[in-house]
C-alpha atoms as a PDB file:
ATOM      1  CA  MET A   1      -5.235  -9.329  -9.932  1.00  0.00           C
ATOM      2  CA  ALA A   2      -2.655  -9.632  -7.161  1.00  0.00           C
ATOM      3  CA  ALA A   3      -2.786  -6.950  -4.463  1.00  0.00           C
ATOM      4  CA  LEU A   4       0.697  -6.352  -3.103  1.00  0.00           C
ATOM      5  CA  MET A   5      -0.394  -4.188  -0.215  1.00  0.00           C
ATOM      6  CA  VAL A   6      -3.803  -3.562   1.307  1.00  0.00           C
ATOM      7  CA  VAL A   7      -4.479  -0.876   3.893  1.00  0.00           C
ATOM      8  CA  TYR A   8      -7.307  -1.195   6.407  1.00  0.00           C
ATOM      9  CA  MET A   9      -8.571   1.239   8.978  1.00  0.00           C
ATOM     10  CA  GLY A  10     -10.504  -0.946  11.362  1.00  0.00           C
ATOM     11  CA  ALA A  11     -12.472  -3.361   9.188  1.00  0.00           C
ATOM     12  CA  ARG A  12     -12.658  -0.932   6.256  1.00  0.00           C
ATOM     13  CA  LEU A  13     -10.380  -1.345   3.217  1.00  0.00           C
ATOM     14  CA  VAL A  14      -9.060   2.141   2.460  1.00  0.00           C
ATOM     15  CA  SER A  15      -6.467   1.481  -0.257  1.00  0.00           C
ATOM     16  CA  GLN A  16      -4.638  -1.221  -2.121  1.00  0.00           C
ATOM     17  CA  CYS A  17      -1.720  -1.453  -4.501  1.00  0.00           C
ATOM     18  CA  ASP A  18      -2.462  -3.954  -7.227  1.00  0.00           C
ATOM     19  CA  ALA A  19      -1.994  -4.588 -10.953  1.00  0.00           C
ATOM     20  CA  ARG A  20      -3.856  -1.383 -11.803  1.00  0.00           C
ATOM     21  CA  CYS A  21      -0.856   0.394 -10.287  1.00  0.00           C
ATOM     22  CA  TYR A  22       2.226  -1.744 -10.990  1.00  0.00           C
ATOM     23  CA  ASN A  23       1.170  -2.449 -14.595  1.00  0.00           C
ATOM     24  CA  ALA A  24      -0.123   1.088 -15.216  1.00  0.00           C
ATOM     25  CA  GLN A  25       0.547   2.966 -18.450  1.00  0.00           C
ATOM     26  CA  HIS A  26      -1.003   6.260 -17.294  1.00  0.00           C
ATOM     27  CA  PRO A  27       1.040   8.763 -15.216  1.00  0.00           C
ATOM     28  CA  ALA A  28      -1.151   9.287 -12.135  1.00  0.00           C
ATOM     29  CA  CYS A  29      -1.079   7.059  -9.033  1.00  0.00           C
ATOM     30  CA  SER A  30      -3.574   7.374  -6.187  1.00  0.00           C
ATOM     31  CA  CYS A  31      -2.964   4.182  -4.213  1.00  0.00           C
ATOM     32  CA  CYS A  32      -1.120   3.515  -0.954  1.00  0.00           C
ATOM     33  CA  CYS A  33       2.335   3.058  -2.565  1.00  0.00           C
ATOM     34  CA  GLY A  34       2.525   6.770  -3.262  1.00  0.00           C
ATOM     35  CA  GLY A  35       3.688   6.145  -6.817  1.00  0.00           C
ATOM     36  CA  ALA A  36       6.713   3.950  -5.968  1.00  0.00           C
ATOM     37  CA  ASN A  37       5.202   0.895  -7.682  1.00  0.00           C
ATOM     38  CA  HIS A  38       3.441   2.777 -10.451  1.00  0.00           C
ATOM     39  CA  GLY A  39       4.175   1.174 -13.809  1.00  0.00           C
ATOM     40  CA  VAL A  40       7.277  -0.701 -12.618  1.00  0.00           C
ATOM     41  CA  GLY A  41       5.938  -4.236 -13.194  1.00  0.00           C
ATOM     42  CA  LEU A  42       5.199  -7.018 -10.722  1.00  0.00           C
ATOM     43  CA  GLU A  43       8.737  -8.084  -9.796  1.00  0.00           C
ATOM     44  CA  GLU A  44      10.017  -4.592  -8.985  1.00  0.00           C
ATOM     45  CA  ALA A  45       6.778  -3.747  -7.154  1.00  0.00           C
ATOM     46  CA  LEU A  46       7.162  -6.870  -4.965  1.00  0.00           C
ATOM     47  CA  LEU A  47      10.674  -5.812  -3.991  1.00  0.00           C
ATOM     48  CA  ASN A  48       9.599  -2.221  -3.307  1.00  0.00           C
ATOM     49  CA  THR A  49       6.662  -3.295  -1.160  1.00  0.00           C
ATOM     50  CA  ARG A  50       8.700  -5.731   0.932  1.00  0.00           C
ATOM     51  CA  ARG A  51      11.242  -3.003   1.666  1.00  0.00           C
ATOM     52  CA  MET A  52       8.980  -0.033   2.240  1.00  0.00           C
ATOM     53  CA  ALA A  53       5.434  -1.072   3.226  1.00  0.00           C
ATOM     54  CA  ARG A  54       5.466   0.702   6.611  1.00  0.00           C
ATOM     55  CA  ARG A  55       6.696   3.965   5.069  1.00  0.00           C
ATOM     56  CA  TYR A  56       4.099   3.736   2.274  1.00  0.00           C
ATOM     57  CA  ALA A  57       1.297   3.284   4.816  1.00  0.00           C
ATOM     58  CA  GLU A  58       2.460   6.108   7.083  1.00  0.00           C
ATOM     59  CA  GLN A  59       2.846   8.494   4.142  1.00  0.00           C
ATOM     60  CA  TYR A  60      -0.541   7.514   2.706  1.00  0.00           C
ATOM     61  CA  ALA A  61      -2.269   8.084   6.062  1.00  0.00           C
ATOM     62  CA  GLN A  62      -0.626  11.503   6.384  1.00  0.00           C
ATOM     63  CA  GLU A  63      -1.673  12.507   2.845  1.00  0.00           C
ATOM     64  CA  GLN A  64      -5.263  11.507   3.672  1.00  0.00           C
ATOM     65  CA  GLY A  65      -5.193  13.670   6.808  1.00  0.00           C
ATOM     66  CA  TRP A  66      -5.702  10.732   9.137  1.00  0.00           C
ATOM     67  CA  ALA A  67      -4.422  10.890  12.707  1.00  0.00           C
ATOM     68  CA  VAL A  68      -2.813   7.484  12.951  1.00  0.00           C
ATOM     69  CA  ALA A  69      -1.391   6.220  16.230  1.00  0.00           C
ATOM     70  CA  ASP A  70      -0.038   2.939  14.944  1.00  0.00           C
ATOM     71  CA  VAL A  71       0.775   1.143  11.717  1.00  0.00           C
ATOM     72  CA  GLN A  72       0.844  -2.616  12.013  1.00  0.00           C
ATOM     73  CA  LEU A  73       2.209  -4.823   9.256  1.00  0.00           C
ATOM     74  CA  GLU A  74       0.738  -8.282   9.274  1.00  0.00           C
ATOM     75  CA  GLN A  75       2.526 -11.298   7.892  1.00  0.00           C
ATOM     76  CA  PRO A  76       2.262 -11.486   4.107  1.00  0.00           C
ATOM     77  CA  LEU A  77      -0.360 -13.889   2.806  1.00  0.00           C
ATOM     78  CA  HIS A  78       0.310 -14.987  -0.753  1.00  0.00           C
ATOM     79  CA  GLU A  79       2.602 -12.005  -1.350  1.00  0.00           C
ATOM     80  CA  THR A  80       0.099  -9.427  -0.014  1.00  0.00           C
ATOM     81  CA  THR A  81       1.168  -7.171   2.838  1.00  0.00           C
ATOM     82  CA  ARG A  82      -1.776  -6.221   4.997  1.00  0.00           C
ATOM     83  CA  VAL A  83      -1.497  -2.942   6.881  1.00  0.00           C
ATOM     84  CA  ALA A  84      -3.761  -2.074   9.796  1.00  0.00           C
ATOM     85  CA  LEU A  85      -4.042   1.614  10.743  1.00  0.00           C
ATOM     86  CA  ARG A  86      -5.279   2.457  14.205  1.00  0.00           C
ATOM     87  CA  GLU A  87      -6.648   5.967  14.828  1.00  0.00           C
ATOM     88  CA  PHE A  88      -5.952   8.053  17.940  1.00  0.00           C
END
């Protein structure tokens, strides 16, 4: 299962957008893409994630009530965007 975006706070994985989301048949999305990749298929989800990963991460952190000082996007590894959130 390919994760397109993973979100870490420190060393802890807090969310990921993967095939459970982009191949979903059910209506609810609870991952870090905020529903943008939900059920759209792999190709469209890849394009969405490349364009909007920072916004997804900032929005997800806000929805979780986290005080985030910085969102760092790391270079994609095998099509996965890793996002590091740093708290205040």
